[in-house]
Amino acid sequence: MNTLSSHVLDTTLGKPAQGIALTLTLPDGNTLSGETDSDGRFKNWGIEDGFAAGVYTLRFHCKPYLVETHGSSFYPHIDITFELEENGGHYHVPLLISPFGFSSYRGS
């Protein structure tokens, strides 16, 4: 069974980024949404049977957070597209952000 979580860290402040809206596009084109909590994390997608294998896109709607926190944002949103394998286990997609840069990797 595949599970999915995310974590957003503001590298300028060295703190979690709370309140960033997330949109997950599933392989069939349907979408799920959520928002990072006070620790910058989100994992409650409402998928009880786990995620099927396939290609997903996770959109981080970061502009409102970055403008409110730092006064500007080069990125209106950040899309990360990744592939889940059959019975791949837990997938974690962290995002490190600042007003003018970002980085991501497969976490654990």
PDB file of N, CA and C in Angstrom:
ATOM      1  N   MET A   1       0.845  -1.177   0.000  1.00  0.00           N
ATOM      2  CA  MET A   1       0.000   0.000   0.000  1.00  0.00           C
ATOM      3  C   MET A   1       0.892   1.243   0.000  1.00  0.00           C
ATOM      4  N   ASN A   2       0.536   2.221  -0.820  1.00  0.00           N
ATOM      5  CA  ASN A   2       1.272   3.476  -0.884  1.00  0.00           C
ATOM      6  C   ASN A   2       0.590   4.544  -0.043  1.00  0.00           C
ATOM      7  N   THR A   3       1.394   5.264   0.736  1.00  0.00           N
ATOM      8  CA  THR A   3       0.915   6.425   1.465  1.00  0.00           C
ATOM      9  C   THR A   3       1.751   7.625   1.039  1.00  0.00           C
ATOM     10  N   LEU A   4       1.230   8.824   1.287  1.00  0.00           N
ATOM     11  CA  LEU A   4       1.886  10.037   0.818  1.00  0.00           C
ATOM     12  C   LEU A   4       1.778  11.143   1.859  1.00  0.00           C
ATOM     13  N   SER A   5       2.904  11.792   2.126  1.00  0.00           N
ATOM     14  CA  SER A   5       2.919  12.945   3.016  1.00  0.00           C
ATOM     15  C   SER A   5       3.834  14.011   2.423  1.00  0.00           C
ATOM     16  N   SER A   6       3.735  15.218   2.984  1.00  0.00           N
ATOM     17  CA  SER A   6       4.574  16.320   2.539  1.00  0.00           C
ATOM     18  C   SER A   6       4.932  17.199   3.727  1.00  0.00           C
ATOM     19  N   HIS A   7       5.994  17.979   3.540  1.00  0.00           N
ATOM     20  CA  HIS A   7       6.478  18.884   4.578  1.00  0.00           C
ATOM     21  C   HIS A   7       7.074  20.085   3.871  1.00  0.00           C
ATOM     22  N   VAL A   8       6.691  21.287   4.267  1.00  0.00           N
ATOM     23  CA  VAL A   8       7.221  22.502   3.651  1.00  0.00           C
ATOM     24  C   VAL A   8       7.994  23.289   4.701  1.00  0.00           C
ATOM     25  N   LEU A   9       9.249  23.592   4.373  1.00  0.00           N
ATOM     26  CA  LEU A   9      10.098  24.373   5.261  1.00  0.00           C
ATOM     27  C   LEU A   9      10.491  25.672   4.583  1.00  0.00           C
ATOM     28  N   ASP A  10      10.393  26.761   5.312  1.00  0.00           N
ATOM     29  CA  ASP A  10      10.804  28.079   4.848  1.00  0.00           C
ATOM     30  C   ASP A  10      12.288  28.215   5.185  1.00  0.00           C
ATOM     31  N   THR A  11      13.150  28.138   4.164  1.00  0.00           N
ATOM     32  CA  THR A  11      14.589  28.155   4.428  1.00  0.00           C
ATOM     33  C   THR A  11      15.106  29.538   4.806  1.00  0.00           C
ATOM     34  N   THR A  12      14.364  30.579   4.491  1.00  0.00           N
ATOM     35  CA  THR A  12      14.759  31.927   4.891  1.00  0.00           C
ATOM     36  C   THR A  12      14.627  32.101   6.396  1.00  0.00           C
ATOM     37  N   LEU A  13      13.531  31.594   6.944  1.00  0.00           N
ATOM     38  CA  LEU A  13      13.286  31.707   8.383  1.00  0.00           C
ATOM     39  C   LEU A  13      13.809  30.514   9.174  1.00  0.00           C
ATOM     40  N   GLY A  14      14.052  29.404   8.475  1.00  0.00           N
ATOM     41  CA  GLY A  14      14.451  28.193   9.172  1.00  0.00           C
ATOM     42  C   GLY A  14      13.320  27.592   9.976  1.00  0.00           C
ATOM     43  N   LYS A  15      12.076  27.752   9.462  1.00  0.00           N
ATOM     44  CA  LYS A  15      10.892  27.282  10.179  1.00  0.00           C
ATOM     45  C   LYS A  15       9.923  26.591   9.230  1.00  0.00           C
ATOM     46  N   PRO A  16       9.001  25.790   9.786  1.00  0.00           N
ATOM     47  CA  PRO A  16       7.946  25.195   8.954  1.00  0.00           C
ATOM     48  C   PRO A  16       7.060  26.279   8.347  1.00  0.00           C
ATOM     49  N   ALA A  17       6.538  25.998   7.164  1.00  0.00           N
ATOM     50  CA  ALA A  17       5.640  26.921   6.467  1.00  0.00           C
ATOM     51  C   ALA A  17       4.196  26.464   6.674  1.00  0.00           C
ATOM     52  N   GLN A  18       3.489  27.150   7.544  1.00  0.00           N
ATOM     53  CA  GLN A  18       2.096  26.819   7.866  1.00  0.00           C
ATOM     54  C   GLN A  18       1.147  27.495   6.889  1.00  0.00           C
ATOM     55  N   GLY A  19       0.055  26.786   6.550  1.00  0.00           N
ATOM     56  CA  GLY A  19      -1.028  27.376   5.771  1.00  0.00           C
ATOM     57  C   GLY A  19      -0.824  27.392   4.273  1.00  0.00           C
ATOM     58  N   ILE A  20       0.080  26.568   3.761  1.00  0.00           N
ATOM     59  CA  ILE A  20       0.256  26.495   2.306  1.00  0.00           C
ATOM     60  C   ILE A  20      -0.750  25.496   1.755  1.00  0.00           C
ATOM     61  N   ALA A  21      -1.562  25.964   0.813  1.00  0.00           N
ATOM     62  CA  ALA A  21      -2.553  25.088   0.170  1.00  0.00           C
ATOM     63  C   ALA A  21      -1.842  24.122  -0.771  1.00  0.00           C
ATOM     64  N   LEU A  22      -2.345  22.891  -0.809  1.00  0.00           N
ATOM     65  CA  LEU A  22      -1.786  21.841  -1.653  1.00  0.00           C
ATOM     66  C   LEU A  22      -2.888  21.282  -2.550  1.00  0.00           C
ATOM     67  N   THR A  23      -2.531  20.984  -3.788  1.00  0.00           N
ATOM     68  CA  THR A  23      -3.433  20.279  -4.691  1.00  0.00           C
ATOM     69  C   THR A  23      -2.677  19.097  -5.261  1.00  0.00           C
ATOM     70  N   LEU A  24      -3.230  17.898  -5.085  1.00  0.00           N
ATOM     71  CA  LEU A  24      -2.635  16.682  -5.620  1.00  0.00           C
ATOM     72  C   LEU A  24      -3.459  16.220  -6.806  1.00  0.00           C
ATOM     73  N   THR A  25      -2.825  16.140  -7.971  1.00  0.00           N
ATOM     74  CA  THR A  25      -3.496  15.624  -9.161  1.00  0.00           C
ATOM     75  C   THR A  25      -3.152  14.141  -9.298  1.00  0.00           C
ATOM     76  N   LEU A  26      -4.200  13.321  -9.318  1.00  0.00           N
ATOM     77  CA  LEU A  26      -4.060  11.866  -9.398  1.00  0.00           C
ATOM     78  C   LEU A  26      -3.854  11.434 -10.843  1.00  0.00           C
ATOM     79  N   PRO A  27      -3.389  10.206 -11.065  1.00  0.00           N
ATOM     80  CA  PRO A  27      -3.176   9.733 -12.428  1.00  0.00           C
ATOM     81  C   PRO A  27      -4.416   9.818 -13.321  1.00  0.00           C
ATOM     82  N   ASP A  28      -5.606   9.718 -12.747  1.00  0.00           N
ATOM     83  CA  ASP A  28      -6.837   9.786 -13.545  1.00  0.00           C
ATOM     84  C   ASP A  28      -7.314  11.224 -13.781  1.00  0.00           C
ATOM     85  N   GLY A  29      -6.563  12.212 -13.284  1.00  0.00           N
ATOM     86  CA  GLY A  29      -6.925  13.611 -13.481  1.00  0.00           C
ATOM     87  C   GLY A  29      -7.730  14.222 -12.346  1.00  0.00           C
ATOM     88  N   ASN A  30      -8.274  13.403 -11.453  1.00  0.00           N
ATOM     89  CA  ASN A  30      -8.986  13.936 -10.287  1.00  0.00           C
ATOM     90  C   ASN A  30      -7.998  14.614  -9.349  1.00  0.00           C
ATOM     91  N   THR A  31      -8.505  15.491  -8.490  1.00  0.00           N
ATOM     92  CA  THR A  31      -7.627  16.205  -7.564  1.00  0.00           C
ATOM     93  C   THR A  31      -8.101  16.066  -6.124  1.00  0.00           C
ATOM     94  N   LEU A  32      -7.139  16.174  -5.224  1.00  0.00           N
ATOM     95  CA  LEU A  32      -7.378  16.223  -3.783  1.00  0.00           C
ATOM     96  C   LEU A  32      -6.687  17.476  -3.277  1.00  0.00           C
ATOM     97  N   SER A  33      -7.148  17.999  -2.145  1.00  0.00           N
ATOM     98  CA  SER A  33      -6.520  19.215  -1.639  1.00  0.00           C
ATOM     99  C   SER A  33      -6.321  19.143  -0.135  1.00  0.00           C
ATOM    100  N   GLY A  34      -5.450  20.017   0.351  1.00  0.00           N
ATOM    101  CA  GLY A  34      -5.169  20.100   1.771  1.00  0.00           C
ATOM    102  C   GLY A  34      -4.391  21.365   2.066  1.00  0.00           C
ATOM    103  N   GLU A  35      -3.933  21.482   3.298  1.00  0.00           N
ATOM    104  CA  GLU A  35      -3.175  22.662   3.723  1.00  0.00           C
ATOM    105  C   GLU A  35      -2.187  22.251   4.799  1.00  0.00           C
ATOM    106  N   THR A  36      -0.987  22.793   4.734  1.00  0.00           N
ATOM    107  CA  THR A  36       0.025  22.439   5.726  1.00  0.00           C
ATOM    108  C   THR A  36      -0.376  22.923   7.120  1.00  0.00           C
ATOM    109  N   ASP A  37      -0.051  22.105   8.112  1.00  0.00           N
ATOM    110  CA  ASP A  37      -0.393  22.420   9.499  1.00  0.00           C
ATOM    111  C   ASP A  37       0.673  23.317  10.134  1.00  0.00           C
ATOM    112  N   SER A  38       0.608  23.509  11.427  1.00  0.00           N
ATOM    113  CA  SER A  38       1.534  24.407  12.131  1.00  0.00           C
ATOM    114  C   SER A  38       2.983  23.928  12.070  1.00  0.00           C
ATOM    115  N   ASP A  39       3.180  22.656  11.759  1.00  0.00           N
ATOM    116  CA  ASP A  39       4.531  22.109  11.599  1.00  0.00           C
ATOM    117  C   ASP A  39       4.914  22.024  10.121  1.00  0.00           C
ATOM    118  N   GLY A  40       4.100  22.619   9.234  1.00  0.00           N
ATOM    119  CA  GLY A  40       4.387  22.601   7.807  1.00  0.00           C
ATOM    120  C   GLY A  40       4.117  21.270   7.133  1.00  0.00           C
ATOM    121  N   ARG A  41       3.379  20.393   7.797  1.00  0.00           N
ATOM    122  CA  ARG A  41       3.154  19.032   7.288  1.00  0.00           C
ATOM    123  C   ARG A  41       1.714  18.823   6.822  1.00  0.00           C
ATOM    124  N   PHE A  42       1.569  17.849   5.904  1.00  0.00           N
ATOM    125  CA  PHE A  42       0.234  17.408   5.503  1.00  0.00           C
ATOM    126  C   PHE A  42       0.313  15.949   5.068  1.00  0.00           C
ATOM    127  N   LYS A  43      -0.671  15.157   5.533  1.00  0.00           N
ATOM    128  CA  LYS A  43      -0.725  13.737   5.149  1.00  0.00           C
ATOM    129  C   LYS A  43      -2.141  13.187   5.056  1.00  0.00           C
ATOM    130  N   ASN A  44      -3.148  13.960   5.405  1.00  0.00           N
ATOM    131  CA  ASN A  44      -4.517  13.454   5.467  1.00  0.00           C
ATOM    132  C   ASN A  44      -5.261  13.671   4.152  1.00  0.00           C
ATOM    133  N   TRP A  45      -4.931  12.882   3.146  1.00  0.00           N
ATOM    134  CA  TRP A  45      -5.528  13.026   1.821  1.00  0.00           C
ATOM    135  C   TRP A  45      -6.914  12.402   1.727  1.00  0.00           C
ATOM    136  N   GLY A  46      -7.321  11.624   2.724  1.00  0.00           N
ATOM    137  CA  GLY A  46      -8.633  10.990   2.685  1.00  0.00           C
ATOM    138  C   GLY A  46      -8.660   9.718   1.843  1.00  0.00           C
ATOM    139  N   ILE A  47      -7.508   9.163   1.570  1.00  0.00           N
ATOM    140  CA  ILE A  47      -7.397   7.918   0.798  1.00  0.00           C
ATOM    141  C   ILE A  47      -7.136   6.787   1.790  1.00  0.00           C
ATOM    142  N   GLU A  48      -8.141   5.982   2.038  1.00  0.00           N
ATOM    143  CA  GLU A  48      -8.010   4.935   3.051  1.00  0.00           C
ATOM    144  C   GLU A  48      -7.329   3.671   2.545  1.00  0.00           C
ATOM    145  N   ASP A  49      -7.475   3.370   1.255  1.00  0.00           N
ATOM    146  CA  ASP A  49      -6.888   2.154   0.695  1.00  0.00           C
ATOM    147  C   ASP A  49      -5.506   2.375   0.106  1.00  0.00           C
ATOM    148  N   GLY A  50      -4.923   3.550   0.304  1.00  0.00           N
ATOM    149  CA  GLY A  50      -3.611   3.853  -0.239  1.00  0.00           C
ATOM    150  C   GLY A  50      -3.705   4.358  -1.672  1.00  0.00           C
ATOM    151  N   PHE A  51      -2.600   4.853  -2.163  1.00  0.00           N
ATOM    152  CA  PHE A  51      -2.524   5.414  -3.506  1.00  0.00           C
ATOM    153  C   PHE A  51      -2.089   4.354  -4.507  1.00  0.00           C
ATOM    154  N   ALA A  52      -2.734   4.351  -5.656  1.00  0.00           N
ATOM    155  CA  ALA A  52      -2.381   3.426  -6.737  1.00  0.00           C
ATOM    156  C   ALA A  52      -1.059   3.856  -7.363  1.00  0.00           C
ATOM    157  N   ALA A  53      -0.407   2.919  -8.020  1.00  0.00           N
ATOM    158  CA  ALA A  53       0.799   3.243  -8.776  1.00  0.00           C
ATOM    159  C   ALA A  53       0.427   4.220  -9.882  1.00  0.00           C
ATOM    160  N   GLY A  54       1.341   5.103 -10.216  1.00  0.00           N
ATOM    161  CA  GLY A  54       1.106   6.046 -11.306  1.00  0.00           C
ATOM    162  C   GLY A  54       1.832   7.354 -11.089  1.00  0.00           C
ATOM    163  N   VAL A  55       1.605   8.272 -12.026  1.00  0.00           N
ATOM    164  CA  VAL A  55       2.259   9.580 -11.994  1.00  0.00           C
ATOM    165  C   VAL A  55       1.318  10.598 -11.347  1.00  0.00           C
ATOM    166  N   TYR A  56       1.827  11.329 -10.376  1.00  0.00           N
ATOM    167  CA  TYR A  56       1.086  12.316  -9.597  1.00  0.00           C
ATOM    168  C   TYR A  56       1.779  13.673  -9.714  1.00  0.00           C
ATOM    169  N   THR A  57       1.007  14.736  -9.552  1.00  0.00           N
ATOM    170  CA  THR A  57       1.589  16.069  -9.460  1.00  0.00           C
ATOM    171  C   THR A  57       1.075  16.728  -8.190  1.00  0.00           C
ATOM    172  N   LEU A  58       2.008  17.188  -7.379  1.00  0.00           N
ATOM    173  CA  LEU A  58       1.679  17.889  -6.148  1.00  0.00           C
ATOM    174  C   LEU A  58       1.980  19.368  -6.357  1.00  0.00           C
ATOM    175  N   ARG A  59       0.942  20.198  -6.300  1.00  0.00           N
ATOM    176  CA  ARG A  59       1.093  21.645  -6.474  1.00  0.00           C
ATOM    177  C   ARG A  59       1.065  22.321  -5.106  1.00  0.00           C
ATOM    178  N   PHE A  60       2.087  23.099  -4.849  1.00  0.00           N
ATOM    179  CA  PHE A  60       2.196  23.895  -3.639  1.00  0.00           C
ATOM    180  C   PHE A  60       1.832  25.330  -4.014  1.00  0.00           C
ATOM    181  N   HIS A  61       0.744  25.842  -3.477  1.00  0.00           N
ATOM    182  CA  HIS A  61       0.297  27.208  -3.759  1.00  0.00           C
ATOM    183  C   HIS A  61       1.020  28.141  -2.775  1.00  0.00           C
ATOM    184  N   CYS A  62       2.260  28.457  -3.093  1.00  0.00           N
ATOM    185  CA  CYS A  62       3.152  29.116  -2.134  1.00  0.00           C
ATOM    186  C   CYS A  62       3.117  30.640  -2.165  1.00  0.00           C
ATOM    187  N   LYS A  63       2.598  31.250  -3.223  1.00  0.00           N
ATOM    188  CA  LYS A  63       2.662  32.709  -3.330  1.00  0.00           C
ATOM    189  C   LYS A  63       2.004  33.438  -2.157  1.00  0.00           C
ATOM    190  N   PRO A  64       0.776  33.081  -1.758  1.00  0.00           N
ATOM    191  CA  PRO A  64       0.181  33.817  -0.627  1.00  0.00           C
ATOM    192  C   PRO A  64       1.044  33.772   0.636  1.00  0.00           C
ATOM    193  N   TYR A  65       1.594  32.596   0.938  1.00  0.00           N
ATOM    194  CA  TYR A  65       2.455  32.463   2.116  1.00  0.00           C
ATOM    195  C   TYR A  65       3.705  33.323   1.974  1.00  0.00           C
ATOM    196  N   LEU A  66       4.382  33.234   0.829  1.00  0.00           N
ATOM    197  CA  LEU A  66       5.637  33.957   0.650  1.00  0.00           C
ATOM    198  C   LEU A  66       5.434  35.466   0.629  1.00  0.00           C
ATOM    199  N   VAL A  67       4.366  35.930  -0.002  1.00  0.00           N
ATOM    200  CA  VAL A  67       4.092  37.375  -0.016  1.00  0.00           C
ATOM    201  C   VAL A  67       3.781  37.865   1.398  1.00  0.00           C
ATOM    202  N   GLU A  68       2.953  37.120   2.127  1.00  0.00           N
ATOM    203  CA  GLU A  68       2.604  37.524   3.493  1.00  0.00           C
ATOM    204  C   GLU A  68       3.819  37.497   4.415  1.00  0.00           C
ATOM    205  N   THR A  69       4.662  36.494   4.255  1.00  0.00           N
ATOM    206  CA  THR A  69       5.789  36.303   5.163  1.00  0.00           C
ATOM    207  C   THR A  69       7.016  37.125   4.776  1.00  0.00           C
ATOM    208  N   HIS A  70       7.260  37.239   3.453  1.00  0.00           N
ATOM    209  CA  HIS A  70       8.499  37.867   2.992  1.00  0.00           C
ATOM    210  C   HIS A  70       8.289  39.088   2.084  1.00  0.00           C
ATOM    211  N   GLY A  71       7.056  39.373   1.712  1.00  0.00           N
ATOM    212  CA  GLY A  71       6.779  40.546   0.892  1.00  0.00           C
ATOM    213  C   GLY A  71       6.836  40.327  -0.599  1.00  0.00           C
ATOM    214  N   SER A  72       7.330  39.172  -1.042  1.00  0.00           N
ATOM    215  CA  SER A  72       7.372  38.884  -2.476  1.00  0.00           C
ATOM    216  C   SER A  72       7.546  37.393  -2.714  1.00  0.00           C
ATOM    217  N   SER A  73       7.247  37.004  -3.957  1.00  0.00           N
ATOM    218  CA  SER A  73       7.406  35.617  -4.368  1.00  0.00           C
ATOM    219  C   SER A  73       7.619  35.561  -5.870  1.00  0.00           C
ATOM    220  N   PHE A  74       8.671  34.936  -6.296  1.00  0.00           N
ATOM    221  CA  PHE A  74       8.921  34.732  -7.721  1.00  0.00           C
ATOM    222  C   PHE A  74       8.004  33.654  -8.284  1.00  0.00           C
ATOM    223  N   TYR A  75       7.602  32.707  -7.439  1.00  0.00           N
ATOM    224  CA  TYR A  75       6.812  31.556  -7.858  1.00  0.00           C
ATOM    225  C   TYR A  75       5.358  31.680  -7.403  1.00  0.00           C
ATOM    226  N   PRO A  76       4.394  31.686  -8.337  1.00  0.00           N
ATOM    227  CA  PRO A  76       2.994  31.673  -7.922  1.00  0.00           C
ATOM    228  C   PRO A  76       2.608  30.315  -7.326  1.00  0.00           C
ATOM    229  N   HIS A  77       3.232  29.262  -7.844  1.00  0.00           N
ATOM    230  CA  HIS A  77       3.056  27.910  -7.313  1.00  0.00           C
ATOM    231  C   HIS A  77       4.255  27.076  -7.739  1.00  0.00           C
ATOM    232  N   ILE A  78       4.410  25.933  -7.084  1.00  0.00           N
ATOM    233  CA  ILE A  78       5.484  25.004  -7.425  1.00  0.00           C
ATOM    234  C   ILE A  78       4.848  23.644  -7.639  1.00  0.00           C
ATOM    235  N   ASP A  79       5.085  23.055  -8.808  1.00  0.00           N
ATOM    236  CA  ASP A  79       4.581  21.719  -9.124  1.00  0.00           C
ATOM    237  C   ASP A  79       5.718  20.713  -9.034  1.00  0.00           C
ATOM    238  N   ILE A  80       5.463  19.615  -8.349  1.00  0.00           N
ATOM    239  CA  ILE A  80       6.414  18.513  -8.288  1.00  0.00           C
ATOM    240  C   ILE A  80       5.687  17.274  -8.802  1.00  0.00           C
ATOM    241  N   THR A  81       6.196  16.729  -9.885  1.00  0.00           N
ATOM    242  CA  THR A  81       5.608  15.542 -10.492  1.00  0.00           C
ATOM    243  C   THR A  81       6.494  14.350 -10.160  1.00  0.00           C
ATOM    244  N   PHE A  82       5.868  13.265  -9.721  1.00  0.00           N
ATOM    245  CA  PHE A  82       6.611  12.091  -9.277  1.00  0.00           C
ATOM    246  C   PHE A  82       5.807  10.841  -9.599  1.00  0.00           C
ATOM    247  N   GLU A  83       6.468   9.698  -9.511  1.00  0.00           N
ATOM    248  CA  GLU A  83       5.810   8.431  -9.820  1.00  0.00           C
ATOM    249  C   GLU A  83       5.833   7.494  -8.620  1.00  0.00           C
ATOM    250  N   LEU A  84       4.661   6.991  -8.268  1.00  0.00           N
ATOM    251  CA  LEU A  84       4.534   5.995  -7.214  1.00  0.00           C
ATOM    252  C   LEU A  84       4.553   4.614  -7.855  1.00  0.00           C
ATOM    253  N   GLU A  85       5.317   3.709  -7.267  1.00  0.00           N
ATOM    254  CA  GLU A  85       5.377   2.337  -7.755  1.00  0.00           C
ATOM    255  C   GLU A  85       4.344   1.476  -7.032  1.00  0.00           C
ATOM    256  N   GLU A  86       3.992   0.363  -7.616  1.00  0.00           N
ATOM    257  CA  GLU A  86       3.082  -0.588  -6.979  1.00  0.00           C
ATOM    258  C   GLU A  86       3.707  -1.064  -5.676  1.00  0.00           C
ATOM    259  N   ASN A  87       2.970  -0.964  -4.583  1.00  0.00           N
ATOM    260  CA  ASN A  87       3.444  -1.373  -3.255  1.00  0.00           C
ATOM    261  C   ASN A  87       4.778  -0.728  -2.892  1.00  0.00           C
ATOM    262  N   GLY A  88       4.921   0.545  -3.213  1.00  0.00           N
ATOM    263  CA  GLY A  88       6.169   1.269  -2.940  1.00  0.00           C
ATOM    264  C   GLY A  88       6.325   1.706  -1.499  1.00  0.00           C
ATOM    265  N   GLY A  89       5.252   1.593  -0.711  1.00  0.00           N
ATOM    266  CA  GLY A  89       5.333   1.973   0.693  1.00  0.00           C
ATOM    267  C   GLY A  89       5.009   3.433   0.911  1.00  0.00           C
ATOM    268  N   HIS A  90       5.736   4.037   1.826  1.00  0.00           N
ATOM    269  CA  HIS A  90       5.474   5.441   2.157  1.00  0.00           C
ATOM    270  C   HIS A  90       6.313   6.362   1.275  1.00  0.00           C
ATOM    271  N   TYR A  91       5.663   7.360   0.716  1.00  0.00           N
ATOM    272  CA  TYR A  91       6.331   8.395  -0.064  1.00  0.00           C
ATOM    273  C   TYR A  91       6.187   9.717   0.674  1.00  0.00           C
ATOM    274  N   HIS A  92       7.291  10.446   0.767  1.00  0.00           N
ATOM    275  CA  HIS A  92       7.293  11.742   1.435  1.00  0.00           C
ATOM    276  C   HIS A  92       7.911  12.754   0.476  1.00  0.00           C
ATOM    277  N   VAL A  93       7.192  13.861   0.214  1.00  0.00           N
ATOM    278  CA  VAL A  93       7.661  14.883  -0.719  1.00  0.00           C
ATOM    279  C   VAL A  93       7.883  16.186   0.051  1.00  0.00           C
ATOM    280  N   PRO A  94       9.114  16.429   0.502  1.00  0.00           N
ATOM    281  CA  PRO A  94       9.412  17.673   1.187  1.00  0.00           C
ATOM    282  C   PRO A  94       9.670  18.798   0.178  1.00  0.00           C
ATOM    283  N   LEU A  95       9.388  20.018   0.604  1.00  0.00           N
ATOM    284  CA  LEU A  95       9.682  21.195  -0.213  1.00  0.00           C
ATOM    285  C   LEU A  95      10.367  22.219   0.671  1.00  0.00           C
ATOM    286  N   LEU A  96      11.512  22.695   0.215  1.00  0.00           N
ATOM    287  CA  LEU A  96      12.235  23.775   0.878  1.00  0.00           C
ATOM    288  C   LEU A  96      12.005  25.013   0.028  1.00  0.00           C
ATOM    289  N   ILE A  97      11.494  26.090   0.636  1.00  0.00           N
ATOM    290  CA  ILE A  97      11.156  27.275  -0.145  1.00  0.00           C
ATOM    291  C   ILE A  97      11.765  28.546   0.442  1.00  0.00           C
ATOM    292  N   SER A  98      11.947  29.499  -0.445  1.00  0.00           N
ATOM    293  CA  SER A  98      12.275  30.883  -0.099  1.00  0.00           C
ATOM    294  C   SER A  98      11.590  31.724  -1.174  1.00  0.00           C
ATOM    295  N   PRO A  99      11.572  33.044  -1.059  1.00  0.00           N
ATOM    296  CA  PRO A  99      10.880  33.844  -2.069  1.00  0.00           C
ATOM    297  C   PRO A  99      11.423  33.665  -3.492  1.00  0.00           C
ATOM    298  N   PHE A 100      12.687  33.252  -3.621  1.00  0.00           N
ATOM    299  CA  PHE A 100      13.299  33.183  -4.948  1.00  0.00           C
ATOM    300  C   PHE A 100      13.981  31.853  -5.246  1.00  0.00           C
ATOM    301  N   GLY A 101      13.614  30.797  -4.513  1.00  0.00           N
ATOM    302  CA  GLY A 101      14.207  29.498  -4.779  1.00  0.00           C
ATOM    303  C   GLY A 101      13.436  28.391  -4.088  1.00  0.00           C
ATOM    304  N   PHE A 102      13.625  27.168  -4.585  1.00  0.00           N
ATOM    305  CA  PHE A 102      13.022  26.003  -3.951  1.00  0.00           C
ATOM    306  C   PHE A 102      13.841  24.757  -4.265  1.00  0.00           C
ATOM    307  N   SER A 103      13.626  23.736  -3.463  1.00  0.00           N
ATOM    308  CA  SER A 103      14.287  22.450  -3.647  1.00  0.00           C
ATOM    309  C   SER A 103      13.374  21.370  -3.097  1.00  0.00           C
ATOM    310  N   SER A 104      13.469  20.180  -3.682  1.00  0.00           N
ATOM    311  CA  SER A 104      12.689  19.053  -3.206  1.00  0.00           C
ATOM    312  C   SER A 104      13.497  17.769  -3.391  1.00  0.00           C
ATOM    313  N   TYR A 105      13.065  16.713  -2.733  1.00  0.00           N
ATOM    314  CA  TYR A 105      13.721  15.418  -2.812  1.00  0.00           C
ATOM    315  C   TYR A 105      12.741  14.372  -2.304  1.00  0.00           C
ATOM    316  N   ARG A 106      13.044  13.109  -2.496  1.00  0.00           N
ATOM    317  CA  ARG A 106      12.198  12.071  -1.913  1.00  0.00           C
ATOM    318  C   ARG A 106      12.658  11.845  -0.482  1.00  0.00           C
ATOM    319  N   GLY A 107      11.780  12.165   0.439  1.00  0.00           N
ATOM    320  CA  GLY A 107      12.091  11.996   1.850  1.00  0.00           C
ATOM    321  C   GLY A 107      11.649  10.637   2.351  1.00  0.00           C
ATOM    322  N   SER A 108      11.666  10.498   3.666  1.00  0.00           N
ATOM    323  CA  SER A 108      11.268   9.221   4.260  1.00  0.00           C
ATOM    324  C   SER A 108      10.232   9.435   5.339  1.00  0.00           C
TER     325      SER A 108
END
